PDB file of N, CA and C in Angstrom:
ATOM      1  N   MET A   1       0.837  -1.178   0.000  1.00  0.00           N
ATOM      2  CA  MET A   1       0.000   0.000   0.000  1.00  0.00           C
ATOM      3  C   MET A   1       0.881   1.241   0.000  1.00  0.00           C
ATOM      4  N   GLU A   2       0.473   2.245  -0.754  1.00  0.00           N
ATOM      5  CA  GLU A   2       1.282   3.449  -0.924  1.00  0.00           C
ATOM      6  C   GLU A   2       1.261   4.307   0.343  1.00  0.00           C
ATOM      7  N   ASP A   3       2.397   4.838   0.681  1.00  0.00           N
ATOM      8  CA  ASP A   3       2.520   5.706   1.855  1.00  0.00           C
ATOM      9  C   ASP A   3       1.757   7.009   1.608  1.00  0.00           C
ATOM     10  N   GLN A   4       1.018   7.498   2.614  1.00  0.00           N
ATOM     11  CA  GLN A   4       0.218   8.715   2.453  1.00  0.00           C
ATOM     12  C   GLN A   4       1.077   9.943   2.203  1.00  0.00           C
ATOM     13  N   LYS A   5       2.284   9.983   2.769  1.00  0.00           N
ATOM     14  CA  LYS A   5       3.135  11.153   2.582  1.00  0.00           C
ATOM     15  C   LYS A   5       3.615  11.277   1.143  1.00  0.00           C
ATOM     16  N   SER A   6       3.823  10.175   0.452  1.00  0.00           N
ATOM     17  CA  SER A   6       4.321  10.235  -0.914  1.00  0.00           C
ATOM     18  C   SER A   6       3.190  10.413  -1.936  1.00  0.00           C
ATOM     19  N   ARG A   7       1.966  10.148  -1.533  1.00  0.00           N
ATOM     20  CA  ARG A   7       0.827  10.278  -2.434  1.00  0.00           C
ATOM     21  C   ARG A   7       0.372  11.738  -2.490  1.00  0.00           C
ATOM     22  N   PRO A   8       0.214  12.309  -3.685  1.00  0.00           N
ATOM     23  CA  PRO A   8      -0.245  13.699  -3.765  1.00  0.00           C
ATOM     24  C   PRO A   8      -1.699  13.820  -3.296  1.00  0.00           C
ATOM     25  N   ARG A   9      -1.992  14.926  -2.663  1.00  0.00           N
ATOM     26  CA  ARG A   9      -3.359  15.160  -2.186  1.00  0.00           C
ATOM     27  C   ARG A   9      -4.219  15.614  -3.354  1.00  0.00           C
ATOM     28  N   ASP A  10      -5.418  15.088  -3.428  1.00  0.00           N
ATOM     29  CA  ASP A  10      -6.327  15.467  -4.504  1.00  0.00           C
ATOM     30  C   ASP A  10      -6.964  16.829  -4.278  1.00  0.00           C
ATOM     31  N   ASP A  11      -7.119  17.211  -3.015  1.00  0.00           N
ATOM     32  CA  ASP A  11      -7.829  18.441  -2.714  1.00  0.00           C
ATOM     33  C   ASP A  11      -6.920  19.658  -2.578  1.00  0.00           C
ATOM     34  N   CYS A  12      -5.648  19.512  -2.874  1.00  0.00           N
ATOM     35  CA  CYS A  12      -4.690  20.598  -2.723  1.00  0.00           C
ATOM     36  C   CYS A  12      -4.788  21.560  -3.905  1.00  0.00           C
ATOM     37  N   LEU A  13      -4.676  22.844  -3.592  1.00  0.00           N
ATOM     38  CA  LEU A  13      -4.623  23.851  -4.650  1.00  0.00           C
ATOM     39  C   LEU A  13      -3.314  23.686  -5.415  1.00  0.00           C
ATOM     40  N   PRO A  14      -3.276  24.073  -6.681  1.00  0.00           N
ATOM     41  CA  PRO A  14      -2.039  23.922  -7.457  1.00  0.00           C
ATOM     42  C   PRO A  14      -0.921  24.802  -6.891  1.00  0.00           C
ATOM     43  N   LEU A  15       0.192  24.184  -6.557  1.00  0.00           N
ATOM     44  CA  LEU A  15       1.313  24.913  -5.962  1.00  0.00           C
ATOM     45  C   LEU A  15       1.862  25.972  -6.911  1.00  0.00           C
ATOM     46  N   SER A  16       1.818  25.707  -8.202  1.00  0.00           N
ATOM     47  CA  SER A  16       2.330  26.694  -9.160  1.00  0.00           C
ATOM     48  C   SER A  16       1.496  27.978  -9.116  1.00  0.00           C
ATOM     49  N   LYS A  17       0.193  27.841  -8.931  1.00  0.00           N
ATOM     50  CA  LYS A  17      -0.675  29.024  -8.835  1.00  0.00           C
ATOM     51  C   LYS A  17      -0.420  29.780  -7.539  1.00  0.00           C
ATOM     52  N   ILE A  18      -0.225  29.042  -6.443  1.00  0.00           N
ATOM     53  CA  ILE A  18       0.084  29.670  -5.154  1.00  0.00           C
ATOM     54  C   ILE A  18       1.397  30.445  -5.274  1.00  0.00           C
ATOM     55  N   ARG A  19       2.403  29.848  -5.906  1.00  0.00           N
ATOM     56  CA  ARG A  19       3.693  30.511  -6.092  1.00  0.00           C
ATOM     57  C   ARG A  19       3.511  31.792  -6.915  1.00  0.00           C
ATOM     58  N   THR A  20       2.734  31.717  -7.989  1.00  0.00           N
ATOM     59  CA  THR A  20       2.502  32.885  -8.846  1.00  0.00           C
ATOM     60  C   THR A  20       1.828  34.006  -8.065  1.00  0.00           C
ATOM     61  N   ILE A  21       0.844  33.656  -7.266  1.00  0.00           N
ATOM     62  CA  ILE A  21       0.145  34.664  -6.461  1.00  0.00           C
ATOM     63  C   ILE A  21       1.091  35.267  -5.433  1.00  0.00           C
ATOM     64  N   MET A  22       1.896  34.435  -4.795  1.00  0.00           N
ATOM     65  CA  MET A  22       2.844  34.943  -3.799  1.00  0.00           C
ATOM     66  C   MET A  22       3.869  35.869  -4.446  1.00  0.00           C
ATOM     67  N   LYS A  23       4.357  35.512  -5.617  1.00  0.00           N
ATOM     68  CA  LYS A  23       5.365  36.330  -6.298  1.00  0.00           C
ATOM     69  C   LYS A  23       4.770  37.628  -6.831  1.00  0.00           C
ATOM     70  N   SER A  24       3.461  37.687  -6.988  1.00  0.00           N
ATOM     71  CA  SER A  24       2.838  38.915  -7.494  1.00  0.00           C
ATOM     72  C   SER A  24       2.873  40.045  -6.468  1.00  0.00           C
ATOM     73  N   SER A  25       3.136  39.711  -5.221  1.00  0.00           N
ATOM     74  CA  SER A  25       3.253  40.726  -4.175  1.00  0.00           C
ATOM     75  C   SER A  25       4.615  41.406  -4.274  1.00  0.00           C
ATOM     76  N   PRO A  26       4.649  42.736  -4.247  1.00  0.00           N
ATOM     77  CA  PRO A  26       5.943  43.422  -4.320  1.00  0.00           C
ATOM     78  C   PRO A  26       6.807  43.193  -3.074  1.00  0.00           C
ATOM     79  N   ASP A  27       6.197  42.750  -1.982  1.00  0.00           N
ATOM     80  CA  ASP A  27       6.938  42.505  -0.744  1.00  0.00           C
ATOM     81  C   ASP A  27       7.686  41.177  -0.753  1.00  0.00           C
ATOM     82  N   ILE A  28       7.326  40.273  -1.647  1.00  0.00           N
ATOM     83  CA  ILE A  28       7.919  38.938  -1.701  1.00  0.00           C
ATOM     84  C   ILE A  28       8.948  38.892  -2.828  1.00  0.00           C
ATOM     85  N   GLU A  29      10.183  38.590  -2.476  1.00  0.00           N
ATOM     86  CA  GLU A  29      11.228  38.480  -3.490  1.00  0.00           C
ATOM     87  C   GLU A  29      11.476  37.025  -3.876  1.00  0.00           C
ATOM     88  N   LEU A  30      11.482  36.145  -2.860  1.00  0.00           N
ATOM     89  CA  LEU A  30      11.817  34.752  -3.091  1.00  0.00           C
ATOM     90  C   LEU A  30      10.807  33.870  -2.370  1.00  0.00           C
ATOM     91  N   VAL A  31      10.335  32.830  -3.038  1.00  0.00           N
ATOM     92  CA  VAL A  31       9.390  31.891  -2.445  1.00  0.00           C
ATOM     93  C   VAL A  31      10.117  30.563  -2.281  1.00  0.00           C
ATOM     94  N   SER A  32      10.301  30.141  -1.040  1.00  0.00           N
ATOM     95  CA  SER A  32      11.014  28.888  -0.809  1.00  0.00           C
ATOM     96  C   SER A  32      10.103  27.693  -1.080  1.00  0.00           C
ATOM     97  N   GLN A  33      10.703  26.610  -1.481  1.00  0.00           N
ATOM     98  CA  GLN A  33       9.969  25.383  -1.789  1.00  0.00           C
ATOM     99  C   GLN A  33       9.258  24.840  -0.551  1.00  0.00           C
ATOM    100  N   GLU A  34       9.848  25.043   0.631  1.00  0.00           N
ATOM    101  CA  GLU A  34       9.260  24.532   1.870  1.00  0.00           C
ATOM    102  C   GLU A  34       8.011  25.309   2.278  1.00  0.00           C
ATOM    103  N   SER A  35       7.935  26.575   1.891  1.00  0.00           N
ATOM    104  CA  SER A  35       6.805  27.401   2.309  1.00  0.00           C
ATOM    105  C   SER A  35       5.536  27.138   1.492  1.00  0.00           C
ATOM    106  N   LEU A  36       5.685  26.674   0.280  1.00  0.00           N
ATOM    107  CA  LEU A  36       4.527  26.483  -0.600  1.00  0.00           C
ATOM    108  C   LEU A  36       3.457  25.551  -0.030  1.00  0.00           C
ATOM    109  N   PRO A  37       3.783  24.340   0.432  1.00  0.00           N
ATOM    110  CA  PRO A  37       2.728  23.471   0.971  1.00  0.00           C
ATOM    111  C   PRO A  37       2.055  24.060   2.211  1.00  0.00           C
ATOM    112  N   ILE A  38       2.811  24.810   2.998  1.00  0.00           N
ATOM    113  CA  ILE A  38       2.235  25.422   4.202  1.00  0.00           C
ATOM    114  C   ILE A  38       1.249  26.515   3.822  1.00  0.00           C
ATOM    115  N   VAL A  39       1.646  27.371   2.884  1.00  0.00           N
ATOM    116  CA  VAL A  39       0.755  28.443   2.432  1.00  0.00           C
ATOM    117  C   VAL A  39      -0.460  27.844   1.729  1.00  0.00           C
ATOM    118  N   CYS A  40      -0.239  26.779   0.982  1.00  0.00           N
ATOM    119  CA  CYS A  40      -1.342  26.090   0.299  1.00  0.00           C
ATOM    120  C   CYS A  40      -2.360  25.565   1.312  1.00  0.00           C
ATOM    121  N   ARG A  41      -1.879  24.915   2.344  1.00  0.00           N
ATOM    122  CA  ARG A  41      -2.773  24.356   3.373  1.00  0.00           C
ATOM    123  C   ARG A  41      -3.488  25.466   4.131  1.00  0.00           C
ATOM    124  N   ALA A  42      -2.778  26.549   4.445  1.00  0.00           N
ATOM    125  CA  ALA A  42      -3.402  27.688   5.132  1.00  0.00           C
ATOM    126  C   ALA A  42      -4.497  28.308   4.262  1.00  0.00           C
ATOM    127  N   THR A  43      -4.245  28.381   2.962  1.00  0.00           N
ATOM    128  CA  THR A  43      -5.247  28.920   2.032  1.00  0.00           C
ATOM    129  C   THR A  43      -6.473  28.015   1.986  1.00  0.00           C
ATOM    130  N   GLU A  44      -6.251  26.714   1.939  1.00  0.00           N
ATOM    131  CA  GLU A  44      -7.374  25.763   1.940  1.00  0.00           C
ATOM    132  C   GLU A  44      -8.193  25.887   3.220  1.00  0.00           C
ATOM    133  N   MET A  45      -7.501  26.031   4.353  1.00  0.00           N
ATOM    134  CA  MET A  45      -8.213  26.162   5.630  1.00  0.00           C
ATOM    135  C   MET A  45      -9.020  27.455   5.674  1.00  0.00           C
ATOM    136  N   PHE A  46      -8.454  28.551   5.129  1.00  0.00           N
ATOM    137  CA  PHE A  46      -9.184  29.814   5.079  1.00  0.00           C
ATOM    138  C   PHE A  46     -10.430  29.685   4.207  1.00  0.00           C
ATOM    139  N   ILE A  47     -10.270  29.082   3.034  1.00  0.00           N
ATOM    140  CA  ILE A  47     -11.418  28.908   2.130  1.00  0.00           C
ATOM    141  C   ILE A  47     -12.496  28.054   2.797  1.00  0.00           C
ATOM    142  N   GLN A  48     -12.096  27.003   3.480  1.00  0.00           N
ATOM    143  CA  GLN A  48     -13.061  26.147   4.176  1.00  0.00           C
ATOM    144  C   GLN A  48     -13.814  26.930   5.250  1.00  0.00           C
ATOM    145  N   HIS A  49     -13.097  27.720   6.036  1.00  0.00           N
ATOM    146  CA  HIS A  49     -13.742  28.548   7.068  1.00  0.00           C
ATOM    147  C   HIS A  49     -14.684  29.568   6.430  1.00  0.00           C
ATOM    148  N   PHE A  50     -14.211  30.204   5.382  1.00  0.00           N
ATOM    149  CA  PHE A  50     -14.986  31.230   4.685  1.00  0.00           C
ATOM    150  C   PHE A  50     -16.296  30.661   4.143  1.00  0.00           C
ATOM    151  N   ILE A  51     -16.216  29.537   3.470  1.00  0.00           N
ATOM    152  CA  ILE A  51     -17.414  28.925   2.883  1.00  0.00           C
ATOM    153  C   ILE A  51     -18.331  28.365   3.968  1.00  0.00           C
ATOM    154  N   THR A  52     -17.764  27.865   5.054  1.00  0.00           N
ATOM    155  CA  THR A  52     -18.590  27.391   6.174  1.00  0.00           C
ATOM    156  C   THR A  52     -19.400  28.541   6.754  1.00  0.00           C
ATOM    157  N   GLN A  53     -18.771  29.699   6.913  1.00  0.00           N
ATOM    158  CA  GLN A  53     -19.498  30.868   7.426  1.00  0.00           C
ATOM    159  C   GLN A  53     -20.577  31.311   6.441  1.00  0.00           C
ATOM    160  N   ALA A  54     -20.284  31.253   5.166  1.00  0.00           N
ATOM    161  CA  ALA A  54     -21.290  31.604   4.156  1.00  0.00           C
ATOM    162  C   ALA A  54     -22.456  30.624   4.213  1.00  0.00           C
ATOM    163  N   TYR A  55     -22.165  29.342   4.412  1.00  0.00           N
ATOM    164  CA  TYR A  55     -23.216  28.325   4.515  1.00  0.00           C
ATOM    165  C   TYR A  55     -24.095  28.570   5.740  1.00  0.00           C
ATOM    166  N   VAL A  56     -23.472  28.958   6.853  1.00  0.00           N
ATOM    167  CA  VAL A  56     -24.223  29.242   8.077  1.00  0.00           C
ATOM    168  C   VAL A  56     -25.221  30.368   7.833  1.00  0.00           C
ATOM    169  N   HIS A  57     -24.826  31.369   7.044  1.00  0.00           N
ATOM    170  CA  HIS A  57     -25.693  32.519   6.770  1.00  0.00           C
ATOM    171  C   HIS A  57     -26.615  32.284   5.571  1.00  0.00           C
ATOM    172  N   SER A  58     -26.507  31.126   4.948  1.00  0.00           N
ATOM    173  CA  SER A  58     -27.291  30.827   3.759  1.00  0.00           C
ATOM    174  C   SER A  58     -28.737  30.482   4.103  1.00  0.00           C
ATOM    175  N   LYS A  59     -29.649  30.992   3.293  1.00  0.00           N
ATOM    176  CA  LYS A  59     -31.060  30.637   3.453  1.00  0.00           C
ATOM    177  C   LYS A  59     -31.352  29.336   2.705  1.00  0.00           C
ATOM    178  N   ASN A  60     -30.711  29.178   1.562  1.00  0.00           N
ATOM    179  CA  ASN A  60     -30.856  27.974   0.749  1.00  0.00           C
ATOM    180  C   ASN A  60     -29.678  27.065   1.059  1.00  0.00           C
ATOM    181  N   LYS A  61     -29.909  25.997   1.779  1.00  0.00           N
ATOM    182  CA  LYS A  61     -28.812  25.117   2.217  1.00  0.00           C
ATOM    183  C   LYS A  61     -28.305  24.191   1.108  1.00  0.00           C
ATOM    184  N   LYS A  62     -28.889  24.282  -0.090  1.00  0.00           N
ATOM    185  CA  LYS A  62     -28.431  23.447  -1.192  1.00  0.00           C
ATOM    186  C   LYS A  62     -27.325  24.113  -1.999  1.00  0.00           C
ATOM    187  N   ALA A  63     -27.277  25.432  -1.957  1.00  0.00           N
ATOM    188  CA  ALA A  63     -26.264  26.152  -2.740  1.00  0.00           C
ATOM    189  C   ALA A  63     -25.903  27.453  -2.025  1.00  0.00           C
ATOM    190  N   ILE A  64     -24.658  27.819  -2.128  1.00  0.00           N
ATOM    191  CA  ILE A  64     -24.198  29.085  -1.565  1.00  0.00           C
ATOM    192  C   ILE A  64     -24.179  30.099  -2.694  1.00  0.00           C
ATOM    193  N   GLU A  65     -24.786  31.237  -2.447  1.00  0.00           N
ATOM    194  CA  GLU A  65     -24.866  32.290  -3.452  1.00  0.00           C
ATOM    195  C   GLU A  65     -24.020  33.484  -3.021  1.00  0.00           C
ATOM    196  N   TYR A  66     -23.841  34.422  -3.943  1.00  0.00           N
ATOM    197  CA  TYR A  66     -23.054  35.618  -3.653  1.00  0.00           C
ATOM    198  C   TYR A  66     -23.593  36.341  -2.425  1.00  0.00           C
ATOM    199  N   ALA A  67     -24.890  36.445  -2.327  1.00  0.00           N
ATOM    200  CA  ALA A  67     -25.500  37.145  -1.192  1.00  0.00           C
ATOM    201  C   ALA A  67     -25.108  36.502   0.134  1.00  0.00           C
ATOM    202  N   ASP A  68     -25.025  35.183   0.181  1.00  0.00           N
ATOM    203  CA  ASP A  68     -24.628  34.477   1.406  1.00  0.00           C
ATOM    204  C   ASP A  68     -23.179  34.815   1.784  1.00  0.00           C
ATOM    205  N   ILE A  69     -22.327  34.868   0.781  1.00  0.00           N
ATOM    206  CA  ILE A  69     -20.919  35.202   1.021  1.00  0.00           C
ATOM    207  C   ILE A  69     -20.806  36.639   1.515  1.00  0.00           C
ATOM    208  N   ALA A  70     -21.538  37.553   0.879  1.00  0.00           N
ATOM    209  CA  ALA A  70     -21.501  38.962   1.277  1.00  0.00           C
ATOM    210  C   ALA A  70     -22.035  39.152   2.701  1.00  0.00           C
ATOM    211  N   VAL A  71     -23.076  38.428   3.067  1.00  0.00           N
ATOM    212  CA  VAL A  71     -23.624  38.520   4.428  1.00  0.00           C
ATOM    213  C   VAL A  71     -22.615  37.983   5.437  1.00  0.00           C
ATOM    214  N   ALA A  72     -21.940  36.906   5.096  1.00  0.00           N
ATOM    215  CA  ALA A  72     -20.917  36.352   5.990  1.00  0.00           C
ATOM    216  C   ALA A  72     -19.801  37.368   6.208  1.00  0.00           C
ATOM    217  N   VAL A  73     -19.369  38.034   5.149  1.00  0.00           N
ATOM    218  CA  VAL A  73     -18.316  39.048   5.259  1.00  0.00           C
ATOM    219  C   VAL A  73     -18.798  40.213   6.127  1.00  0.00           C
ATOM    220  N   GLU A  74     -20.049  40.573   5.949  1.00  0.00           N
ATOM    221  CA  GLU A  74     -20.627  41.693   6.706  1.00  0.00           C
ATOM    222  C   GLU A  74     -20.788  41.362   8.191  1.00  0.00           C
ATOM    223  N   ASN A  75     -21.138  40.115   8.498  1.00  0.00           N
ATOM    224  CA  ASN A  75     -21.465  39.738   9.884  1.00  0.00           C
ATOM    225  C   ASN A  75     -20.305  39.153  10.683  1.00  0.00           C
ATOM    226  N   GLU A  76     -19.309  38.620  10.024  1.00  0.00           N
ATOM    227  CA  GLU A  76     -18.195  37.978  10.724  1.00  0.00           C
ATOM    228  C   GLU A  76     -17.017  38.944  10.822  1.00  0.00           C
ATOM    229  N   GLU A  77     -16.623  39.245  12.038  1.00  0.00           N
ATOM    230  CA  GLU A  77     -15.543  40.214  12.254  1.00  0.00           C
ATOM    231  C   GLU A  77     -14.228  39.771  11.611  1.00  0.00           C
ATOM    232  N   ASN A  78     -13.941  38.474  11.657  1.00  0.00           N
ATOM    233  CA  ASN A  78     -12.667  37.999  11.109  1.00  0.00           C
ATOM    234  C   ASN A  78     -12.647  37.976   9.583  1.00  0.00           C
ATOM    235  N   LEU A  79     -13.763  38.263   8.933  1.00  0.00           N
ATOM    236  CA  LEU A  79     -13.812  38.347   7.471  1.00  0.00           C
ATOM    237  C   LEU A  79     -14.019  39.784   6.990  1.00  0.00           C
ATOM    238  N   SER A  80     -14.043  40.731   7.909  1.00  0.00           N
ATOM    239  CA  SER A  80     -14.359  42.120   7.561  1.00  0.00           C
ATOM    240  C   SER A  80     -13.342  42.741   6.604  1.00  0.00           C
ATOM    241  N   PHE A  81     -12.134  42.212   6.544  1.00  0.00           N
ATOM    242  CA  PHE A  81     -11.135  42.758   5.616  1.00  0.00           C
ATOM    243  C   PHE A  81     -11.529  42.550   4.156  1.00  0.00           C
ATOM    244  N   LEU A  82     -12.522  41.700   3.909  1.00  0.00           N
ATOM    245  CA  LEU A  82     -12.994  41.440   2.547  1.00  0.00           C
ATOM    246  C   LEU A  82     -14.170  42.328   2.150  1.00  0.00           C
ATOM    247  N   ALA A  83     -14.603  43.218   3.041  1.00  0.00           N
ATOM    248  CA  ALA A  83     -15.805  44.018   2.799  1.00  0.00           C
ATOM    249  C   ALA A  83     -15.704  44.884   1.544  1.00  0.00           C
ATOM    250  N   ASP A  84     -14.523  45.378   1.229  1.00  0.00           N
ATOM    251  CA  ASP A  84     -14.374  46.233   0.045  1.00  0.00           C
ATOM    252  C   ASP A  84     -14.481  45.457  -1.262  1.00  0.00           C
ATOM    253  N   ILE A  85     -14.086  44.197  -1.256  1.00  0.00           N
ATOM    254  CA  ILE A  85     -14.114  43.437  -2.504  1.00  0.00           C
ATOM    255  C   ILE A  85     -15.335  42.527  -2.622  1.00  0.00           C
ATOM    256  N   LEU A  86     -16.053  42.315  -1.528  1.00  0.00           N
ATOM    257  CA  LEU A  86     -17.274  41.508  -1.555  1.00  0.00           C
ATOM    258  C   LEU A  86     -18.420  42.262  -0.870  1.00  0.00           C
ATOM    259  N   PRO A  87     -18.809  43.401  -1.422  1.00  0.00           N
ATOM    260  CA  PRO A  87     -19.902  44.144  -0.785  1.00  0.00           C
ATOM    261  C   PRO A  87     -21.237  43.462  -1.018  1.00  0.00           C
ATOM    262  N   ARG A  88     -22.174  43.753  -0.130  1.00  0.00           N
ATOM    263  CA  ARG A  88     -23.516  43.229  -0.302  1.00  0.00           C
ATOM    264  C   ARG A  88     -24.163  43.962  -1.465  1.00  0.00           C
ATOM    265  N   LYS A  89     -24.852  43.242  -2.331  1.00  0.00           N
ATOM    266  CA  LYS A  89     -25.512  43.873  -3.466  1.00  0.00           C
ATOM    267  C   LYS A  89     -26.714  44.665  -2.969  1.00  0.00           C
ATOM    268  N   ARG A  90     -26.848  45.861  -3.512  1.00  0.00           N
ATOM    269  CA  ARG A  90     -27.969  46.723  -3.140  1.00  0.00           C
ATOM    270  C   ARG A  90     -28.653  47.210  -4.407  1.00  0.00           C
ATOM    271  N   LEU A  91     -29.941  47.471  -4.295  1.00  0.00           N
ATOM    272  CA  LEU A  91     -30.677  48.055  -5.405  1.00  0.00           C
ATOM    273  C   LEU A  91     -30.310  49.528  -5.512  1.00  0.00           C
ATOM    274  N   ALA A  92     -30.498  50.100  -6.682  1.00  0.00           N
ATOM    275  CA  ALA A  92     -30.147  51.506  -6.906  1.00  0.00           C
ATOM    276  C   ALA A  92     -30.909  52.408  -5.943  1.00  0.00           C
ATOM    277  N   GLY A  93     -32.168  52.093  -5.681  1.00  0.00           N
ATOM    278  CA  GLY A  93     -32.970  52.905  -4.755  1.00  0.00           C
ATOM    279  C   GLY A  93     -32.385  52.901  -3.348  1.00  0.00           C
ATOM    280  N   GLU A  94     -31.883  51.754  -2.905  1.00  0.00           N
ATOM    281  CA  GLU A  94     -31.255  51.669  -1.582  1.00  0.00           C
ATOM    282  C   GLU A  94     -30.014  52.552  -1.531  1.00  0.00           C
ATOM    283  N   CYS A  95     -29.228  52.557  -2.603  1.00  0.00           N
ATOM    284  CA  CYS A  95     -28.016  53.380  -2.639  1.00  0.00           C
ATOM    285  C   CYS A  95     -28.361  54.865  -2.581  1.00  0.00           C
ATOM    286  N   VAL A  96     -29.399  55.259  -3.291  1.00  0.00           N
ATOM    287  CA  VAL A  96     -29.834  56.664  -3.271  1.00  0.00           C
ATOM    288  C   VAL A  96     -30.274  57.046  -1.863  1.00  0.00           C
ATOM    289  N   ASP A  97     -31.056  56.181  -1.224  1.00  0.00           N
ATOM    290  CA  ASP A  97     -31.510  56.454   0.142  1.00  0.00           C
ATOM    291  C   ASP A  97     -30.334  56.563   1.109  1.00  0.00           C
ATOM    292  N   LEU A  98     -29.368  55.653   1.004  1.00  0.00           N
ATOM    293  CA  LEU A  98     -28.184  55.695   1.872  1.00  0.00           C
ATOM    294  C   LEU A  98     -27.384  56.976   1.652  1.00  0.00           C
ATOM    295  N   THR A  99     -27.258  57.389   0.387  1.00  0.00           N
ATOM    296  CA  THR A  99     -26.521  58.611   0.078  1.00  0.00           C
ATOM    297  C   THR A  99     -27.226  59.827   0.665  1.00  0.00           C
ATOM    298  N   LYS A 100     -28.561  59.854   0.571  1.00  0.00           N
ATOM    299  CA  LYS A 100     -29.322  60.976   1.135  1.00  0.00           C
ATOM    300  C   LYS A 100     -29.191  61.018   2.650  1.00  0.00           C
ATOM    301  N   LYS A 101     -29.280  59.848   3.304  1.00  0.00           N
ATOM    302  CA  LYS A 101     -29.134  59.798   4.759  1.00  0.00           C
ATOM    303  C   LYS A 101     -27.743  60.255   5.177  1.00  0.00           C
ATOM    304  N   LYS A 102     -26.743  59.814   4.445  1.00  0.00           N
ATOM    305  CA  LYS A 102     -25.365  60.182   4.772  1.00  0.00           C
ATOM    306  C   LYS A 102     -25.165  61.683   4.592  1.00  0.00           C
ATOM    307  N   ALA A 103     -25.730  62.239   3.527  1.00  0.00           N
ATOM    308  CA  ALA A 103     -25.606  63.676   3.274  1.00  0.00           C
ATOM    309  C   ALA A 103     -26.337  64.483   4.346  1.00  0.00           C
ATOM    310  N   ALA A 104     -27.459  63.961   4.834  1.00  0.00           N
ATOM    311  CA  ALA A 104     -28.239  64.674   5.848  1.00  0.00           C
ATOM    312  C   ALA A 104     -27.533  64.680   7.201  1.00  0.00           C
ATOM    313  N   THR A 105     -26.757  63.626   7.490  1.00  0.00           N
ATOM    314  CA  THR A 105     -26.087  63.544   8.787  1.00  0.00           C
ATOM    315  C   THR A 105     -24.687  64.125   8.776  1.00  0.00           C
ATOM    316  N   THR A 106     -24.127  64.344   7.586  1.00  0.00           N
ATOM    317  CA  THR A 106     -22.779  64.898   7.488  1.00  0.00           C
ATOM    318  C   THR A 106     -22.856  66.413   7.486  1.00  0.00           C
ATOM    319  N   PRO A 107     -22.180  67.060   8.433  1.00  0.00           N
ATOM    320  CA  PRO A 107     -22.199  68.522   8.431  1.00  0.00           C
ATOM    321  C   PRO A 107     -21.434  69.055   7.232  1.00  0.00           C
ATOM    322  N   THR A 108     -21.999  70.073   6.600  1.00  0.00           N
ATOM    323  CA  THR A 108     -21.344  70.669   5.441  1.00  0.00           C
ATOM    324  C   THR A 108     -20.703  71.974   5.848  1.00  0.00           C
ATOM    325  N   LYS A 109     -19.605  72.281   5.202  1.00  0.00           N
ATOM    326  CA  LYS A 109     -18.929  73.552   5.461  1.00  0.00           C
ATOM    327  C   LYS A 109     -19.696  74.658   4.754  1.00  0.00           C
ATOM    328  N   ALA A 110     -19.776  75.790   5.426  1.00  0.00           N
ATOM    329  CA  ALA A 110     -20.459  76.932   4.808  1.00  0.00           C
ATOM    330  C   ALA A 110     -19.626  77.411   3.631  1.00  0.00           C
ATOM    331  N   GLU A 111     -20.280  77.534   2.502  1.00  0.00           N
ATOM    332  CA  GLU A 111     -19.571  77.980   1.318  1.00  0.00           C
ATOM    333  C   GLU A 111     -19.503  79.500   1.336  1.00  0.00           C
ATOM    334  N   PRO A 112     -18.378  80.060   0.899  1.00  0.00           N
ATOM    335  CA  PRO A 112     -18.282  81.513   0.878  1.00  0.00           C
ATOM    336  C   PRO A 112     -19.236  82.100  -0.165  1.00  0.00           C
ATOM    337  N   ALA A 113     -19.705  83.267   0.132  1.00  0.00           N
ATOM    338  CA  ALA A 113     -20.619  83.947  -0.808  1.00  0.00           C
ATOM    339  C   ALA A 113     -19.863  84.297  -2.065  1.00  0.00           C
ATOM    340  N   PRO A 114     -20.521  84.188  -3.209  1.00  0.00           N
ATOM    341  CA  PRO A 114     -19.841  84.531  -4.466  1.00  0.00           C
ATOM    342  C   PRO A 114     -19.438  86.006  -4.479  1.00  0.00           C
ATOM    343  N   GLN A 115     -18.268  86.298  -5.010  1.00  0.00           N
ATOM    344  CA  GLN A 115     -17.783  87.677  -5.074  1.00  0.00           C
ATOM    345  C   GLN A 115     -18.383  88.368  -6.279  1.00  0.00           C
ATOM    346  N   ARG A 116     -18.694  89.652  -6.096  1.00  0.00           N
ATOM    347  CA  ARG A 116     -19.292  90.424  -7.196  1.00  0.00           C
ATOM    348  C   ARG A 116     -18.323  91.396  -7.740  1.00  0.00           C
TER     349      ARG A 116
END
């Protein structure tokens, strides 16, 4: 029987893609061969946690939709760093209402009178 350590994992993300993503950061100059499986596993664990939280917030337990992911990001403090890239979808009317409320609560500076 084949040893588990020598057998490649089927559920592992492609290491070449992980390396490419890591090298795309200007802060990373060199990616060591030993770090790749660790970063790969950490990424898999993050994705699993992320999708589990989305499933918890899902109304339809058969499929996870964008709205479920956005609600998870909105409600889970440890996922809040994703709020800018995964915002909750809003209708245009909701955005207009939010903008009006924000404008009403934000104090405006008095504009100088036009000079004649």
